[in-house]
Amino acid sequence: MDPITALLIMAVLAGAIAGSFVFLSAILGPKKRTPLKDEPFECGVESDGMPRTPMPVKFYLTALLFILFDVELAFLFPWSVVFRDLGWFGFVEMLVFFVIVGVGFVYAWKIGALEWE
């Protein structure tokens, strides 16, 4: 069997199973609403406010910086696998990539994005 066909069959089956679970839970699941069910749940701890309170931008900035540097590591692994085949060109390209990401890291550090106060 062709690998593309196998992946397509797997994707269709996974989508069908997920869709059927959602459909069946909507049909067979209980529908009685109570004030206790409508209350926000926070890991077994009583809620101490509305769930729609604004979050500090610092949380989002930290998450974005984490994703940025995590993606850097995602590029590093495949590069290390084919490092010998790429030769000096691949080394210089990855060096340029690290310099660009490093400049971004230094900039984030200088503006205080990594400070947690």
PDB file of N, CA and C in Angstrom:
ATOM      1  N   MET A   1       0.850  -1.177   0.000  1.00  0.00           N
ATOM      2  CA  MET A   1       0.000   0.000   0.000  1.00  0.00           C
ATOM      3  C   MET A   1       0.897   1.242   0.000  1.00  0.00           C
ATOM      4  N   ASP A   2       0.456   2.239  -0.707  1.00  0.00           N
ATOM      5  CA  ASP A   2       1.172   3.513  -0.800  1.00  0.00           C
ATOM      6  C   ASP A   2       1.154   4.216   0.560  1.00  0.00           C
ATOM      7  N   PRO A   3       2.280   4.815   1.005  1.00  0.00           N
ATOM      8  CA  PRO A   3       2.306   5.485   2.320  1.00  0.00           C
ATOM      9  C   PRO A   3       1.304   6.637   2.420  1.00  0.00           C
ATOM     10  N   ILE A   4       1.081   7.353   1.325  1.00  0.00           N
ATOM     11  CA  ILE A   4       0.120   8.465   1.349  1.00  0.00           C
ATOM     12  C   ILE A   4      -1.290   7.939   1.567  1.00  0.00           C
ATOM     13  N   THR A   5      -1.601   6.824   0.912  1.00  0.00           N
ATOM     14  CA  THR A   5      -2.923   6.220   1.082  1.00  0.00           C
ATOM     15  C   THR A   5      -3.109   5.737   2.513  1.00  0.00           C
ATOM     16  N   ALA A   6      -2.063   5.132   3.081  1.00  0.00           N
ATOM     17  CA  ALA A   6      -2.154   4.654   4.463  1.00  0.00           C
ATOM     18  C   ALA A   6      -2.367   5.813   5.430  1.00  0.00           C
ATOM     19  N   LEU A   7      -1.646   6.915   5.225  1.00  0.00           N
ATOM     20  CA  LEU A   7      -1.833   8.083   6.092  1.00  0.00           C
ATOM     21  C   LEU A   7      -3.226   8.674   5.935  1.00  0.00           C
ATOM     22  N   LEU A   8      -3.724   8.691   4.716  1.00  0.00           N
ATOM     23  CA  LEU A   8      -5.070   9.213   4.473  1.00  0.00           C
ATOM     24  C   LEU A   8      -6.122   8.350   5.157  1.00  0.00           C
ATOM     25  N   ILE A   9      -5.968   7.033   5.055  1.00  0.00           N
ATOM     26  CA  ILE A   9      -6.905   6.120   5.728  1.00  0.00           C
ATOM     27  C   ILE A   9      -6.842   6.318   7.234  1.00  0.00           C
ATOM     28  N   MET A  10      -5.636   6.447   7.787  1.00  0.00           N
ATOM     29  CA  MET A  10      -5.500   6.654   9.233  1.00  0.00           C
ATOM     30  C   MET A  10      -6.144   7.971   9.662  1.00  0.00           C
ATOM     31  N   ALA A  11      -5.961   9.040   8.871  1.00  0.00           N
ATOM     32  CA  ALA A  11      -6.548  10.332   9.213  1.00  0.00           C
ATOM     33  C   ALA A  11      -8.068  10.268   9.158  1.00  0.00           C
ATOM     34  N   VAL A  12      -8.610   9.588   8.163  1.00  0.00           N
ATOM     35  CA  VAL A  12     -10.067   9.463   8.055  1.00  0.00           C
ATOM     36  C   VAL A  12     -10.618   8.648   9.226  1.00  0.00           C
ATOM     37  N   LEU A  13      -9.953   7.554   9.560  1.00  0.00           N
ATOM     38  CA  LEU A  13     -10.408   6.739  10.692  1.00  0.00           C
ATOM     39  C   LEU A  13     -10.321   7.511  12.009  1.00  0.00           C
ATOM     40  N   ALA A  14      -9.237   8.226  12.227  1.00  0.00           N
ATOM     41  CA  ALA A  14      -9.100   9.003  13.460  1.00  0.00           C
ATOM     42  C   ALA A  14     -10.167  10.088  13.532  1.00  0.00           C
ATOM     43  N   GLY A  15     -10.424  10.763  12.423  1.00  0.00           N
ATOM     44  CA  GLY A  15     -11.474  11.788  12.397  1.00  0.00           C
ATOM     45  C   GLY A  15     -12.846  11.192  12.626  1.00  0.00           C
ATOM     46  N   ALA A  16     -13.100  10.012  12.043  1.00  0.00           N
ATOM     47  CA  ALA A  16     -14.399   9.359  12.224  1.00  0.00           C
ATOM     48  C   ALA A  16     -14.602   8.935  13.672  1.00  0.00           C
ATOM     49  N   ILE A  17     -13.564   8.395  14.290  1.00  0.00           N
ATOM     50  CA  ILE A  17     -13.684   7.975  15.693  1.00  0.00           C
ATOM     51  C   ILE A  17     -13.894   9.185  16.595  1.00  0.00           C
ATOM     52  N   ALA A  18     -13.111  10.238  16.398  1.00  0.00           N
ATOM     53  CA  ALA A  18     -13.270  11.440  17.225  1.00  0.00           C
ATOM     54  C   ALA A  18     -14.641  12.070  17.006  1.00  0.00           C
ATOM     55  N   GLY A  19     -15.075  12.151  15.763  1.00  0.00           N
ATOM     56  CA  GLY A  19     -16.384  12.723  15.469  1.00  0.00           C
ATOM     57  C   GLY A  19     -17.510  11.893  16.073  1.00  0.00           C
ATOM     58  N   SER A  20     -17.381  10.564  16.004  1.00  0.00           N
ATOM     59  CA  SER A  20     -18.430   9.720  16.582  1.00  0.00           C
ATOM     60  C   SER A  20     -18.471   9.857  18.104  1.00  0.00           C
ATOM     61  N   PHE A  21     -17.320  10.003  18.755  1.00  0.00           N
ATOM     62  CA  PHE A  21     -17.317  10.206  20.206  1.00  0.00           C
ATOM     63  C   PHE A  21     -18.030  11.510  20.574  1.00  0.00           C
ATOM     64  N   VAL A  22     -17.742  12.569  19.841  1.00  0.00           N
ATOM     65  CA  VAL A  22     -18.388  13.852  20.124  1.00  0.00           C
ATOM     66  C   VAL A  22     -19.893  13.750  19.870  1.00  0.00           C
ATOM     67  N   PHE A  23     -20.265  13.137  18.753  1.00  0.00           N
ATOM     68  CA  PHE A  23     -21.679  13.009  18.404  1.00  0.00           C
ATOM     69  C   PHE A  23     -22.418  12.159  19.433  1.00  0.00           C
ATOM     70  N   LEU A  24     -21.839  11.025  19.798  1.00  0.00           N
ATOM     71  CA  LEU A  24     -22.504  10.147  20.760  1.00  0.00           C
ATOM     72  C   LEU A  24     -22.590  10.768  22.153  1.00  0.00           C
ATOM     73  N   SER A  25     -21.596  11.519  22.567  1.00  0.00           N
ATOM     74  CA  SER A  25     -21.675  12.156  23.885  1.00  0.00           C
ATOM     75  C   SER A  25     -22.743  13.253  23.878  1.00  0.00           C
ATOM     76  N   ALA A  26     -22.936  13.913  22.749  1.00  0.00           N
ATOM     77  CA  ALA A  26     -23.985  14.931  22.671  1.00  0.00           C
ATOM     78  C   ALA A  26     -25.367  14.285  22.688  1.00  0.00           C
ATOM     79  N   ILE A  27     -25.489  13.126  22.104  1.00  0.00           N
ATOM     80  CA  ILE A  27     -26.789  12.440  22.041  1.00  0.00           C
ATOM     81  C   ILE A  27     -27.084  11.700  23.345  1.00  0.00           C
ATOM     82  N   LEU A  28     -26.119  10.941  23.848  1.00  0.00           N
ATOM     83  CA  LEU A  28     -26.358  10.062  24.991  1.00  0.00           C
ATOM     84  C   LEU A  28     -26.038  10.696  26.343  1.00  0.00           C
ATOM     85  N   GLY A  29     -25.311  11.783  26.344  1.00  0.00           N
ATOM     86  CA  GLY A  29     -24.886  12.377  27.612  1.00  0.00           C
ATOM     87  C   GLY A  29     -26.024  13.044  28.366  1.00  0.00           C
ATOM     88  N   PRO A  30     -25.862  13.185  29.694  1.00  0.00           N
ATOM     89  CA  PRO A  30     -26.894  13.844  30.487  1.00  0.00           C
ATOM     90  C   PRO A  30     -26.988  15.329  30.133  1.00  0.00           C
ATOM     91  N   LYS A  31     -28.201  15.844  30.172  1.00  0.00           N
ATOM     92  CA  LYS A  31     -28.412  17.231  29.778  1.00  0.00           C
ATOM     93  C   LYS A  31     -28.975  18.098  30.897  1.00  0.00           C
ATOM     94  N   LYS A  32     -29.097  17.554  32.092  1.00  0.00           N
ATOM     95  CA  LYS A  32     -29.658  18.306  33.203  1.00  0.00           C
ATOM     96  C   LYS A  32     -28.599  19.277  33.732  1.00  0.00           C
ATOM     97  N   ARG A  33     -28.888  20.572  33.634  1.00  0.00           N
ATOM     98  CA  ARG A  33     -27.941  21.600  34.086  1.00  0.00           C
ATOM     99  C   ARG A  33     -28.290  21.995  35.523  1.00  0.00           C
ATOM    100  N   THR A  34     -27.260  22.135  36.312  1.00  0.00           N
ATOM    101  CA  THR A  34     -27.434  22.585  37.687  1.00  0.00           C
ATOM    102  C   THR A  34     -26.456  23.731  37.926  1.00  0.00           C
ATOM    103  N   PRO A  35     -26.724  24.560  38.930  1.00  0.00           N
ATOM    104  CA  PRO A  35     -25.770  25.639  39.224  1.00  0.00           C
ATOM    105  C   PRO A  35     -24.380  25.118  39.584  1.00  0.00           C
ATOM    106  N   LEU A  36     -24.325  23.948  40.210  1.00  0.00           N
ATOM    107  CA  LEU A  36     -23.029  23.381  40.568  1.00  0.00           C
ATOM    108  C   LEU A  36     -22.236  22.979  39.323  1.00  0.00           C
ATOM    109  N   LYS A  37     -22.925  22.437  38.302  1.00  0.00           N
ATOM    110  CA  LYS A  37     -22.242  22.058  37.065  1.00  0.00           C
ATOM    111  C   LYS A  37     -21.784  23.273  36.277  1.00  0.00           C
ATOM    112  N   ASP A  38     -22.507  24.367  36.371  1.00  0.00           N
ATOM    113  CA  ASP A  38     -22.160  25.574  35.624  1.00  0.00           C
ATOM    114  C   ASP A  38     -21.053  26.392  36.286  1.00  0.00           C
ATOM    115  N   GLU A  39     -20.666  26.013  37.495  1.00  0.00           N
ATOM    116  CA  GLU A  39     -19.623  26.740  38.208  1.00  0.00           C
ATOM    117  C   GLU A  39     -18.244  26.361  37.662  1.00  0.00           C
ATOM    118  N   PRO A  40     -17.317  27.332  37.540  1.00  0.00           N
ATOM    119  CA  PRO A  40     -15.985  26.991  37.039  1.00  0.00           C
ATOM    120  C   PRO A  40     -15.264  26.050  38.003  1.00  0.00           C
ATOM    121  N   PHE A  41     -14.530  25.108  37.438  1.00  0.00           N
ATOM    122  CA  PHE A  41     -13.816  24.108  38.234  1.00  0.00           C
ATOM    123  C   PHE A  41     -12.321  24.316  38.058  1.00  0.00           C
ATOM    124  N   GLU A  42     -11.604  24.412  39.161  1.00  0.00           N
ATOM    125  CA  GLU A  42     -10.166  24.645  39.115  1.00  0.00           C
ATOM    126  C   GLU A  42      -9.439  23.578  39.917  1.00  0.00           C
ATOM    127  N   CYS A  43      -9.362  22.397  39.386  1.00  0.00           N
ATOM    128  CA  CYS A  43      -8.581  21.299  39.969  1.00  0.00           C
ATOM    129  C   CYS A  43      -8.988  20.983  41.408  1.00  0.00           C
ATOM    130  N   GLY A  44     -10.253  21.006  41.695  1.00  0.00           N
ATOM    131  CA  GLY A  44     -10.725  20.649  43.015  1.00  0.00           C
ATOM    132  C   GLY A  44     -10.673  21.764  44.029  1.00  0.00           C
ATOM    133  N   VAL A  45     -10.188  22.921  43.658  1.00  0.00           N
ATOM    134  CA  VAL A  45     -10.095  24.057  44.561  1.00  0.00           C
ATOM    135  C   VAL A  45     -11.266  24.989  44.263  1.00  0.00           C
ATOM    136  N   GLU A  46     -11.867  25.516  45.319  1.00  0.00           N
ATOM    137  CA  GLU A  46     -12.968  26.442  45.121  1.00  0.00           C
ATOM    138  C   GLU A  46     -12.496  27.649  44.318  1.00  0.00           C
ATOM    139  N   SER A  47     -13.313  28.070  43.382  1.00  0.00           N
ATOM    140  CA  SER A  47     -12.969  29.214  42.541  1.00  0.00           C
ATOM    141  C   SER A  47     -12.994  30.486  43.384  1.00  0.00           C
ATOM    142  N   ASP A  48     -12.021  31.347  43.140  1.00  0.00           N
ATOM    143  CA  ASP A  48     -11.958  32.578  43.920  1.00  0.00           C
ATOM    144  C   ASP A  48     -12.138  33.807  43.033  1.00  0.00           C
ATOM    145  N   GLY A  49     -12.925  33.685  42.004  1.00  0.00           N
ATOM    146  CA  GLY A  49     -13.185  34.827  41.145  1.00  0.00           C
ATOM    147  C   GLY A  49     -13.789  34.392  39.827  1.00  0.00           C
ATOM    148  N   MET A  50     -14.060  35.361  38.997  1.00  0.00           N
ATOM    149  CA  MET A  50     -14.614  35.073  37.685  1.00  0.00           C
ATOM    150  C   MET A  50     -13.521  34.488  36.785  1.00  0.00           C
ATOM    151  N   PRO A  51     -13.884  33.558  35.929  1.00  0.00           N
ATOM    152  CA  PRO A  51     -12.863  32.971  35.054  1.00  0.00           C
ATOM    153  C   PRO A  51     -12.422  33.911  33.941  1.00  0.00           C
ATOM    154  N   ARG A  52     -13.116  34.993  33.724  1.00  0.00           N
ATOM    155  CA  ARG A  52     -12.789  35.913  32.637  1.00  0.00           C
ATOM    156  C   ARG A  52     -11.990  37.129  33.109  1.00  0.00           C
ATOM    157  N   THR A  53     -11.320  37.018  34.249  1.00  0.00           N
ATOM    158  CA  THR A  53     -10.518  38.143  34.714  1.00  0.00           C
ATOM    159  C   THR A  53      -9.301  38.307  33.812  1.00  0.00           C
ATOM    160  N   PRO A  54      -8.862  39.538  33.568  1.00  0.00           N
ATOM    161  CA  PRO A  54      -7.721  39.735  32.666  1.00  0.00           C
ATOM    162  C   PRO A  54      -6.429  39.175  33.256  1.00  0.00           C
ATOM    163  N   MET A  55      -5.624  38.603  32.378  1.00  0.00           N
ATOM    164  CA  MET A  55      -4.328  38.050  32.778  1.00  0.00           C
ATOM    165  C   MET A  55      -3.242  39.066  32.458  1.00  0.00           C
ATOM    166  N   PRO A  56      -2.209  39.130  33.256  1.00  0.00           N
ATOM    167  CA  PRO A  56      -1.096  40.027  32.929  1.00  0.00           C
ATOM    168  C   PRO A  56      -0.420  39.605  31.619  1.00  0.00           C
ATOM    169  N   VAL A  57       0.038  40.568  30.883  1.00  0.00           N
ATOM    170  CA  VAL A  57       0.693  40.308  29.608  1.00  0.00           C
ATOM    171  C   VAL A  57       1.969  39.506  29.818  1.00  0.00           C
ATOM    172  N   LYS A  58       2.551  39.574  30.991  1.00  0.00           N
ATOM    173  CA  LYS A  58       3.798  38.871  31.295  1.00  0.00           C
ATOM    174  C   LYS A  58       3.655  37.357  31.058  1.00  0.00           C
ATOM    175  N   PHE A  59       2.476  36.791  31.356  1.00  0.00           N
ATOM    176  CA  PHE A  59       2.266  35.361  31.136  1.00  0.00           C
ATOM    177  C   PHE A  59       2.350  35.030  29.646  1.00  0.00           C
ATOM    178  N   TYR A  60       1.713  35.834  28.821  1.00  0.00           N
ATOM    179  CA  TYR A  60       1.714  35.588  27.379  1.00  0.00           C
ATOM    180  C   TYR A  60       3.110  35.791  26.789  1.00  0.00           C
ATOM    181  N   LEU A  61       3.806  36.803  27.253  1.00  0.00           N
ATOM    182  CA  LEU A  61       5.155  37.071  26.758  1.00  0.00           C
ATOM    183  C   LEU A  61       6.098  35.920  27.112  1.00  0.00           C
ATOM    184  N   THR A  62       5.954  35.403  28.322  1.00  0.00           N
ATOM    185  CA  THR A  62       6.775  34.264  28.732  1.00  0.00           C
ATOM    186  C   THR A  62       6.458  33.037  27.881  1.00  0.00           C
ATOM    187  N   ALA A  63       5.187  32.818  27.596  1.00  0.00           N
ATOM    188  CA  ALA A  63       4.794  31.676  26.766  1.00  0.00           C
ATOM    189  C   ALA A  63       5.340  31.821  25.350  1.00  0.00           C
ATOM    190  N   LEU A  64       5.275  33.015  24.791  1.00  0.00           N
ATOM    191  CA  LEU A  64       5.797  33.234  23.444  1.00  0.00           C
ATOM    192  C   LEU A  64       7.306  33.032  23.389  1.00  0.00           C
ATOM    193  N   LEU A  65       8.010  33.512  24.394  1.00  0.00           N
ATOM    194  CA  LEU A  65       9.460  33.312  24.429  1.00  0.00           C
ATOM    195  C   LEU A  65       9.808  31.835  24.578  1.00  0.00           C
ATOM    196  N   PHE A  66       9.038  31.109  25.375  1.00  0.00           N
ATOM    197  CA  PHE A  66       9.262  29.672  25.517  1.00  0.00           C
ATOM    198  C   PHE A  66       9.081  28.964  24.181  1.00  0.00           C
ATOM    199  N   ILE A  67       8.019  29.310  23.459  1.00  0.00           N
ATOM    200  CA  ILE A  67       7.771  28.682  22.162  1.00  0.00           C
ATOM    201  C   ILE A  67       8.893  29.020  21.186  1.00  0.00           C
ATOM    202  N   LEU A  68       9.339  30.264  21.195  1.00  0.00           N
ATOM    203  CA  LEU A  68      10.414  30.673  20.293  1.00  0.00           C
ATOM    204  C   LEU A  68      11.672  29.845  20.516  1.00  0.00           C
ATOM    205  N   PHE A  69      12.096  29.707  21.748  1.00  0.00           N
ATOM    206  CA  PHE A  69      13.326  28.971  22.020  1.00  0.00           C
ATOM    207  C   PHE A  69      13.118  27.457  21.939  1.00  0.00           C
ATOM    208  N   ASP A  70      11.888  27.000  22.090  1.00  0.00           N
ATOM    209  CA  ASP A  70      11.593  25.590  21.905  1.00  0.00           C
ATOM    210  C   ASP A  70      11.663  25.232  20.422  1.00  0.00           C
ATOM    211  N   VAL A  71      11.196  26.110  19.561  1.00  0.00           N
ATOM    212  CA  VAL A  71      11.281  25.876  18.118  1.00  0.00           C
ATOM    213  C   VAL A  71      12.740  25.844  17.675  1.00  0.00           C
ATOM    214  N   GLU A  72      13.565  26.646  18.317  1.00  0.00           N
ATOM    215  CA  GLU A  72      14.998  26.608  18.004  1.00  0.00           C
ATOM    216  C   GLU A  72      15.557  25.209  18.237  1.00  0.00           C
ATOM    217  N   LEU A  73      15.192  24.588  19.333  1.00  0.00           N
ATOM    218  CA  LEU A  73      15.660  23.231  19.602  1.00  0.00           C
ATOM    219  C   LEU A  73      15.060  22.227  18.632  1.00  0.00           C
ATOM    220  N   ALA A  74      13.832  22.484  18.155  1.00  0.00           N
ATOM    221  CA  ALA A  74      13.226  21.589  17.178  1.00  0.00           C
ATOM    222  C   ALA A  74      13.991  21.628  15.855  1.00  0.00           C
ATOM    223  N   PHE A  75      14.606  22.760  15.510  1.00  0.00           N
ATOM    224  CA  PHE A  75      15.437  22.838  14.312  1.00  0.00           C
ATOM    225  C   PHE A  75      16.820  22.250  14.548  1.00  0.00           C
ATOM    226  N   LEU A  76      17.260  22.243  15.774  1.00  0.00           N
ATOM    227  CA  LEU A  76      18.606  21.768  16.077  1.00  0.00           C
ATOM    228  C   LEU A  76      18.736  20.257  15.912  1.00  0.00           C
ATOM    229  N   PHE A  77      17.723  19.501  16.263  1.00  0.00           N
ATOM    230  CA  PHE A  77      17.823  18.035  16.195  1.00  0.00           C
ATOM    231  C   PHE A  77      17.985  17.523  14.763  1.00  0.00           C
ATOM    232  N   PRO A  78      17.117  17.920  13.816  1.00  0.00           N
ATOM    233  CA  PRO A  78      17.332  17.414  12.448  1.00  0.00           C
ATOM    234  C   PRO A  78      18.665  17.873  11.849  1.00  0.00           C
ATOM    235  N   TRP A  79      19.085  19.077  12.194  1.00  0.00           N
ATOM    236  CA  TRP A  79      20.369  19.571  11.699  1.00  0.00           C
ATOM    237  C   TRP A  79      21.501  18.700  12.207  1.00  0.00           C
ATOM    238  N   SER A  80      21.426  18.303  13.477  1.00  0.00           N
ATOM    239  CA  SER A  80      22.507  17.480  14.033  1.00  0.00           C
ATOM    240  C   SER A  80      22.543  16.093  13.404  1.00  0.00           C
ATOM    241  N   VAL A  81      21.406  15.605  12.923  1.00  0.00           N
ATOM    242  CA  VAL A  81      21.378  14.287  12.299  1.00  0.00           C
ATOM    243  C   VAL A  81      22.101  14.305  10.953  1.00  0.00           C
ATOM    244  N   VAL A  82      21.939  15.386  10.175  1.00  0.00           N
ATOM    245  CA  VAL A  82      22.533  15.459   8.839  1.00  0.00           C
ATOM    246  C   VAL A  82      23.730  16.406   8.807  1.00  0.00           C
ATOM    247  N   PHE A  83      24.337  16.656   9.938  1.00  0.00           N
ATOM    248  CA  PHE A  83      25.430  17.622  10.027  1.00  0.00           C
ATOM    249  C   PHE A  83      26.589  17.277   9.094  1.00  0.00           C
ATOM    250  N   ARG A  84      26.989  16.033   9.055  1.00  0.00           N
ATOM    251  CA  ARG A  84      28.140  15.644   8.220  1.00  0.00           C
ATOM    252  C   ARG A  84      27.840  15.777   6.734  1.00  0.00           C
ATOM    253  N   ASP A  85      26.600  15.541   6.336  1.00  0.00           N
ATOM    254  CA  ASP A  85      26.244  15.669   4.926  1.00  0.00           C
ATOM    255  C   ASP A  85      26.202  17.123   4.475  1.00  0.00           C
ATOM    256  N   LEU A  86      25.887  18.033   5.381  1.00  0.00           N
ATOM    257  CA  LEU A  86      25.770  19.444   5.009  1.00  0.00           C
ATOM    258  C   LEU A  86      27.121  20.137   4.871  1.00  0.00           C
ATOM    259  N   GLY A  87      28.086  19.699   5.610  1.00  0.00           N
ATOM    260  CA  GLY A  87      29.422  20.296   5.535  1.00  0.00           C
ATOM    261  C   GLY A  87      29.460  21.687   6.142  1.00  0.00           C
ATOM    262  N   TRP A  88      30.392  22.494   5.624  1.00  0.00           N
ATOM    263  CA  TRP A  88      30.575  23.839   6.175  1.00  0.00           C
ATOM    264  C   TRP A  88      29.382  24.746   5.890  1.00  0.00           C
ATOM    265  N   PHE A  89      28.722  24.544   4.768  1.00  0.00           N
ATOM    266  CA  PHE A  89      27.555  25.369   4.450  1.00  0.00           C
ATOM    267  C   PHE A  89      26.477  25.216   5.526  1.00  0.00           C
ATOM    268  N   GLY A  90      26.189  23.979   5.918  1.00  0.00           N
ATOM    269  CA  GLY A  90      25.188  23.732   6.960  1.00  0.00           C
ATOM    270  C   GLY A  90      25.614  24.290   8.299  1.00  0.00           C
ATOM    271  N   PHE A  91      26.913  24.213   8.587  1.00  0.00           N
ATOM    272  CA  PHE A  91      27.420  24.762   9.843  1.00  0.00           C
ATOM    273  C   PHE A  91      27.241  26.273   9.891  1.00  0.00           C
ATOM    274  N   VAL A  92      27.578  26.952   8.796  1.00  0.00           N
ATOM    275  CA  VAL A  92      27.452  28.414   8.749  1.00  0.00           C
ATOM    276  C   VAL A  92      25.979  28.829   8.810  1.00  0.00           C
ATOM    277  N   GLU A  93      25.124  28.093   8.124  1.00  0.00           N
ATOM    278  CA  GLU A  93      23.690  28.418   8.164  1.00  0.00           C
ATOM    279  C   GLU A  93      23.139  28.290   9.584  1.00  0.00           C
ATOM    280  N   MET A  94      23.524  27.244  10.293  1.00  0.00           N
ATOM    281  CA  MET A  94      23.035  27.083  11.665  1.00  0.00           C
ATOM    282  C   MET A  94      23.656  28.120  12.581  1.00  0.00           C
ATOM    283  N   LEU A  95      24.886  28.513  12.309  1.00  0.00           N
ATOM    284  CA  LEU A  95      25.519  29.566  13.088  1.00  0.00           C
ATOM    285  C   LEU A  95      24.771  30.896  12.905  1.00  0.00           C
ATOM    286  N   VAL A  96      24.392  31.193  11.680  1.00  0.00           N
ATOM    287  CA  VAL A  96      23.600  32.403  11.421  1.00  0.00           C
ATOM    288  C   VAL A  96      22.255  32.316  12.149  1.00  0.00           C
ATOM    289  N   PHE A  97      21.633  31.138  12.113  1.00  0.00           N
ATOM    290  CA  PHE A  97      20.359  30.946  12.816  1.00  0.00           C
ATOM    291  C   PHE A  97      20.520  31.190  14.314  1.00  0.00           C
ATOM    292  N   PHE A  98      21.604  30.639  14.909  1.00  0.00           N
ATOM    293  CA  PHE A  98      21.828  30.836  16.339  1.00  0.00           C
ATOM    294  C   PHE A  98      22.131  32.286  16.674  1.00  0.00           C
ATOM    295  N   VAL A  99      22.831  32.975  15.805  1.00  0.00           N
ATOM    296  CA  VAL A  99      23.120  34.387  16.050  1.00  0.00           C
ATOM    297  C   VAL A  99      21.827  35.198  16.042  1.00  0.00           C
ATOM    298  N   ILE A 100      20.934  34.926  15.091  1.00  0.00           N
ATOM    299  CA  ILE A 100      19.662  35.650  15.028  1.00  0.00           C
ATOM    300  C   ILE A 100      18.820  35.376  16.276  1.00  0.00           C
ATOM    301  N   VAL A 101      18.732  34.113  16.664  1.00  0.00           N
ATOM    302  CA  VAL A 101      17.959  33.769  17.869  1.00  0.00           C
ATOM    303  C   VAL A 101      18.645  34.332  19.110  1.00  0.00           C
ATOM    304  N   GLY A 102      19.966  34.318  19.138  1.00  0.00           N
ATOM    305  CA  GLY A 102      20.698  34.878  20.278  1.00  0.00           C
ATOM    306  C   GLY A 102      20.477  36.372  20.418  1.00  0.00           C
ATOM    307  N   VAL A 103      20.453  37.092  19.285  1.00  0.00           N
ATOM    308  CA  VAL A 103      20.173  38.531  19.329  1.00  0.00           C
ATOM    309  C   VAL A 103      18.766  38.767  19.882  1.00  0.00           C
ATOM    310  N   GLY A 104      17.817  37.933  19.468  1.00  0.00           N
ATOM    311  CA  GLY A 104      16.463  38.051  20.018  1.00  0.00           C
ATOM    312  C   GLY A 104      16.423  37.780  21.513  1.00  0.00           C
ATOM    313  N   PHE A 105      17.205  36.805  21.963  1.00  0.00           N
ATOM    314  CA  PHE A 105      17.266  36.491  23.392  1.00  0.00           C
ATOM    315  C   PHE A 105      17.876  37.650  24.176  1.00  0.00           C
ATOM    316  N   VAL A 106      18.960  38.218  23.665  1.00  0.00           N
ATOM    317  CA  VAL A 106      19.597  39.350  24.346  1.00  0.00           C
ATOM    318  C   VAL A 106      18.647  40.539  24.386  1.00  0.00           C
ATOM    319  N   TYR A 107      17.924  40.770  23.293  1.00  0.00           N
ATOM    320  CA  TYR A 107      16.956  41.867  23.265  1.00  0.00           C
ATOM    321  C   TYR A 107      15.862  41.652  24.312  1.00  0.00           C
ATOM    322  N   ALA A 108      15.317  40.424  24.379  1.00  0.00           N
ATOM    323  CA  ALA A 108      14.280  40.127  25.380  1.00  0.00           C
ATOM    324  C   ALA A 108      14.833  40.293  26.788  1.00  0.00           C
ATOM    325  N   TRP A 109      16.069  39.932  26.997  1.00  0.00           N
ATOM    326  CA  TRP A 109      16.706  40.076  28.295  1.00  0.00           C
ATOM    327  C   TRP A 109      16.869  41.553  28.652  1.00  0.00           C
ATOM    328  N   LYS A 110      17.312  42.357  27.689  1.00  0.00           N
ATOM    329  CA  LYS A 110      17.560  43.779  27.943  1.00  0.00           C
ATOM    330  C   LYS A 110      16.280  44.557  28.234  1.00  0.00           C
ATOM    331  N   ILE A 111      15.175  44.210  27.575  1.00  0.00           N
ATOM    332  CA  ILE A 111      13.930  44.955  27.822  1.00  0.00           C
ATOM    333  C   ILE A 111      13.203  44.449  29.071  1.00  0.00           C
ATOM    334  N   GLY A 112      13.752  43.408  29.710  1.00  0.00           N
ATOM    335  CA  GLY A 112      13.169  42.920  30.962  1.00  0.00           C
ATOM    336  C   GLY A 112      12.067  41.892  30.776  1.00  0.00           C
ATOM    337  N   ALA A 113      11.987  41.274  29.596  1.00  0.00           N
ATOM    338  CA  ALA A 113      10.932  40.297  29.349  1.00  0.00           C
ATOM    339  C   ALA A 113      11.129  39.024  30.163  1.00  0.00           C
ATOM    340  N   LEU A 114      12.345  38.775  30.636  1.00  0.00           N
ATOM    341  CA  LEU A 114      12.604  37.555  31.402  1.00  0.00           C
ATOM    342  C   LEU A 114      12.539  37.791  32.902  1.00  0.00           C
ATOM    343  N   GLU A 115      12.296  39.018  33.314  1.00  0.00           N
ATOM    344  CA  GLU A 115      12.162  39.327  34.747  1.00  0.00           C
ATOM    345  C   GLU A 115      10.769  38.949  35.224  1.00  0.00           C
ATOM    346  N   TRP A 116      10.706  38.273  36.356  1.00  0.00           N
ATOM    347  CA  TRP A 116       9.420  37.873  36.905  1.00  0.00           C
ATOM    348  C   TRP A 116       9.221  38.587  38.238  1.00  0.00           C
ATOM    349  N   GLU A 117       8.415  39.638  38.200  1.00  0.00           N
ATOM    350  CA  GLU A 117       8.214  40.442  39.409  1.00  0.00           C
ATOM    351  C   GLU A 117       6.779  40.397  39.856  1.00  0.00           C
TER     352      GLU A 117
END
